[in-house]
Amino acid sequence: MVQMQDEETGELILVNTSSKKVRQNYNQFYNDKVNYFKDSFTKSGAGVIDCRVDESYVKKLLGYFKRRG
């Protein structure tokens, strides 16, 4: 169980992170947000760089600019 706080309301809730359903719902929520932002950036002509915190953002940026020409 993990205690989380709603930043808008301040409400504290306990989330059962060992629940398969909870993990699936969070994964779907995350993927929906990623797709929304990718679509929004693409429609406005901006590029998207996928980068995790354990990856070098420098390599990602260099690769992005090389591809853009």
N, C-alpha and C. Protein backbone atom coordinates (compact mmCIF):
# COMPACT_ATOMS: atom_id res chain seq x y z
N MET A 1 0.83 -1.17 0.00
CA MET A 1 0.00 0.00 0.00
C MET A 1 0.89 1.25 0.00
N VAL A 2 0.47 2.22 -0.79
CA VAL A 2 1.20 3.48 -0.87
C VAL A 2 0.21 4.60 -0.61
N GLN A 3 0.59 5.53 0.26
CA GLN A 3 -0.26 6.68 0.52
C GLN A 3 0.04 7.75 -0.51
N MET A 4 -1.02 8.27 -1.14
CA MET A 4 -0.87 9.32 -2.14
C MET A 4 -1.80 10.47 -1.77
N GLN A 5 -1.42 11.67 -2.25
CA GLN A 5 -2.21 12.85 -1.96
C GLN A 5 -2.66 13.50 -3.25
N ASP A 6 -3.95 13.83 -3.31
CA ASP A 6 -4.50 14.58 -4.42
C ASP A 6 -4.02 16.02 -4.26
N GLU A 7 -3.25 16.52 -5.22
CA GLU A 7 -2.66 17.85 -5.11
C GLU A 7 -3.71 18.96 -5.17
N GLU A 8 -4.86 18.70 -5.76
CA GLU A 8 -5.89 19.72 -5.85
C GLU A 8 -6.73 19.80 -4.58
N THR A 9 -7.07 18.66 -4.01
CA THR A 9 -7.97 18.65 -2.86
C THR A 9 -7.25 18.41 -1.54
N GLY A 10 -6.04 17.88 -1.61
CA GLY A 10 -5.31 17.54 -0.39
C GLY A 10 -5.72 16.20 0.20
N GLU A 11 -6.68 15.53 -0.44
CA GLU A 11 -7.18 14.25 0.07
C GLU A 11 -6.08 13.19 0.02
N LEU A 12 -5.95 12.44 1.11
CA LEU A 12 -4.99 11.33 1.18
C LEU A 12 -5.72 10.03 0.91
N ILE A 13 -5.13 9.19 0.08
CA ILE A 13 -5.73 7.88 -0.21
C ILE A 13 -4.64 6.82 -0.15
N LEU A 14 -5.05 5.60 0.13
CA LEU A 14 -4.13 4.46 0.10
C LEU A 14 -4.36 3.71 -1.20
N VAL A 15 -3.28 3.44 -1.92
CA VAL A 15 -3.35 2.76 -3.21
C VAL A 15 -2.66 1.41 -3.07
N ASN A 16 -3.38 0.36 -3.42
CA ASN A 16 -2.83 -1.00 -3.36
C ASN A 16 -2.05 -1.27 -4.64
N THR A 17 -0.76 -0.99 -4.61
CA THR A 17 0.07 -1.14 -5.81
C THR A 17 0.35 -2.59 -6.17
N SER A 18 -0.02 -3.52 -5.30
CA SER A 18 0.16 -4.93 -5.64
C SER A 18 -1.04 -5.46 -6.43
N SER A 19 -2.07 -4.64 -6.57
CA SER A 19 -3.27 -5.03 -7.32
C SER A 19 -3.01 -4.95 -8.82
N LYS A 20 -3.24 -6.05 -9.52
CA LYS A 20 -3.05 -6.07 -10.98
C LYS A 20 -3.96 -5.05 -11.65
N LYS A 21 -5.19 -4.91 -11.18
CA LYS A 21 -6.15 -3.97 -11.75
C LYS A 21 -5.66 -2.52 -11.59
N VAL A 22 -5.12 -2.21 -10.42
CA VAL A 22 -4.59 -0.86 -10.18
C VAL A 22 -3.44 -0.58 -11.13
N ARG A 23 -2.53 -1.53 -11.28
CA ARG A 23 -1.39 -1.35 -12.18
C ARG A 23 -1.84 -1.20 -13.63
N GLN A 24 -2.83 -1.99 -14.05
CA GLN A 24 -3.35 -1.89 -15.42
C GLN A 24 -4.00 -0.53 -15.64
N ASN A 25 -4.78 -0.07 -14.67
CA ASN A 25 -5.44 1.24 -14.79
C ASN A 25 -4.41 2.36 -14.88
N TYR A 26 -3.38 2.30 -14.04
CA TYR A 26 -2.34 3.33 -14.06
C TYR A 26 -1.60 3.29 -15.40
N ASN A 27 -1.29 2.11 -15.89
CA ASN A 27 -0.60 1.97 -17.17
C ASN A 27 -1.44 2.56 -18.30
N GLN A 28 -2.73 2.30 -18.29
CA GLN A 28 -3.63 2.85 -19.32
C GLN A 28 -3.69 4.37 -19.22
N PHE A 29 -3.80 4.89 -18.00
CA PHE A 29 -3.82 6.34 -17.76
C PHE A 29 -2.55 6.98 -18.31
N TYR A 30 -1.40 6.38 -17.99
CA TYR A 30 -0.11 6.89 -18.44
C TYR A 30 -0.02 6.88 -19.97
N ASN A 31 -0.38 5.76 -20.59
CA ASN A 31 -0.31 5.66 -22.05
C ASN A 31 -1.24 6.66 -22.72
N ASP A 32 -2.43 6.87 -22.16
CA ASP A 32 -3.36 7.86 -22.71
C ASP A 32 -2.74 9.26 -22.67
N LYS A 33 -2.09 9.60 -21.56
CA LYS A 33 -1.46 10.93 -21.43
C LYS A 33 -0.30 11.08 -22.43
N VAL A 34 0.53 10.06 -22.55
CA VAL A 34 1.65 10.11 -23.49
C VAL A 34 1.13 10.31 -24.91
N ASN A 35 0.12 9.55 -25.29
CA ASN A 35 -0.44 9.67 -26.64
C ASN A 35 -1.06 11.04 -26.87
N TYR A 36 -1.74 11.58 -25.86
CA TYR A 36 -2.34 12.91 -25.98
C TYR A 36 -1.26 13.96 -26.26
N PHE A 37 -0.17 13.92 -25.48
CA PHE A 37 0.89 14.91 -25.68
C PHE A 37 1.62 14.70 -27.00
N LYS A 38 1.88 13.46 -27.39
CA LYS A 38 2.52 13.22 -28.68
C LYS A 38 1.66 13.75 -29.81
N ASP A 39 0.36 13.48 -29.77
CA ASP A 39 -0.56 13.97 -30.80
C ASP A 39 -0.59 15.50 -30.82
N SER A 40 -0.66 16.11 -29.65
CA SER A 40 -0.71 17.58 -29.56
C SER A 40 0.55 18.21 -30.13
N PHE A 41 1.70 17.66 -29.77
CA PHE A 41 2.96 18.21 -30.27
C PHE A 41 3.06 18.01 -31.78
N THR A 42 2.69 16.84 -32.27
CA THR A 42 2.76 16.56 -33.70
C THR A 42 1.85 17.50 -34.49
N LYS A 43 0.63 17.71 -34.01
CA LYS A 43 -0.31 18.61 -34.70
C LYS A 43 0.19 20.04 -34.75
N SER A 44 0.96 20.45 -33.75
CA SER A 44 1.46 21.82 -33.73
C SER A 44 2.84 21.95 -34.38
N GLY A 45 3.35 20.85 -34.95
CA GLY A 45 4.61 20.89 -35.66
C GLY A 45 5.84 20.77 -34.78
N ALA A 46 5.64 20.44 -33.52
CA ALA A 46 6.77 20.28 -32.60
C ALA A 46 7.19 18.82 -32.54
N GLY A 47 8.44 18.59 -32.25
CA GLY A 47 8.94 17.23 -32.14
C GLY A 47 8.75 16.68 -30.74
N VAL A 48 8.95 15.38 -30.63
CA VAL A 48 8.82 14.69 -29.35
C VAL A 48 10.07 13.86 -29.12
N ILE A 49 10.59 13.92 -27.92
CA ILE A 49 11.74 13.11 -27.54
C ILE A 49 11.34 12.26 -26.34
N ASP A 50 11.40 10.95 -26.50
CA ASP A 50 11.15 10.04 -25.39
C ASP A 50 12.45 9.83 -24.64
N CYS A 51 12.44 10.13 -23.36
CA CYS A 51 13.66 9.98 -22.57
C CYS A 51 13.29 9.59 -21.14
N ARG A 52 13.91 8.54 -20.67
CA ARG A 52 13.71 8.10 -19.29
C ARG A 52 14.74 8.76 -18.39
N VAL A 53 14.49 8.76 -17.10
CA VAL A 53 15.41 9.42 -16.18
C VAL A 53 16.74 8.68 -16.07
N ASP A 54 16.78 7.42 -16.46
CA ASP A 54 18.03 6.67 -16.39
C ASP A 54 18.77 6.66 -17.73
N GLU A 55 18.36 7.51 -18.67
CA GLU A 55 19.00 7.62 -19.98
C GLU A 55 19.64 9.00 -20.11
N SER A 56 20.61 9.10 -20.99
CA SER A 56 21.26 10.38 -21.26
C SER A 56 20.37 11.23 -22.17
N TYR A 57 19.93 12.37 -21.67
CA TYR A 57 19.12 13.26 -22.50
C TYR A 57 19.97 13.89 -23.60
N VAL A 58 21.28 14.00 -23.38
CA VAL A 58 22.17 14.59 -24.38
C VAL A 58 22.17 13.74 -25.64
N LYS A 59 22.31 12.43 -25.49
CA LYS A 59 22.28 11.53 -26.65
C LYS A 59 20.94 11.63 -27.37
N LYS A 60 19.86 11.70 -26.60
CA LYS A 60 18.53 11.79 -27.20
C LYS A 60 18.38 13.10 -27.99
N LEU A 61 18.85 14.20 -27.41
CA LEU A 61 18.75 15.49 -28.10
C LEU A 61 19.60 15.52 -29.37
N LEU A 62 20.82 15.01 -29.28
CA LEU A 62 21.68 14.97 -30.46
C LEU A 62 21.05 14.14 -31.57
N GLY A 63 20.51 12.98 -31.22
CA GLY A 63 19.84 12.14 -32.20
C GLY A 63 18.63 12.84 -32.82
N TYR A 64 17.89 13.54 -31.99
CA TYR A 64 16.70 14.27 -32.47
C TYR A 64 17.11 15.33 -33.50
N PHE A 65 18.11 16.14 -33.17
CA PHE A 65 18.52 17.21 -34.08
C PHE A 65 19.17 16.66 -35.35
N LYS A 66 19.86 15.54 -35.27
CA LYS A 66 20.42 14.92 -36.47
C LYS A 66 19.31 14.45 -37.40
N ARG A 67 18.26 13.86 -36.83
CA ARG A 67 17.13 13.39 -37.65
C ARG A 67 16.37 14.55 -38.28
N ARG A 68 16.29 15.68 -37.59
CA ARG A 68 15.55 16.83 -38.10
C ARG A 68 16.32 17.57 -39.18
N GLY A 69 17.62 17.30 -39.25
CA GLY A 69 18.44 17.89 -40.30
C GLY A 69 18.82 19.27 -39.99
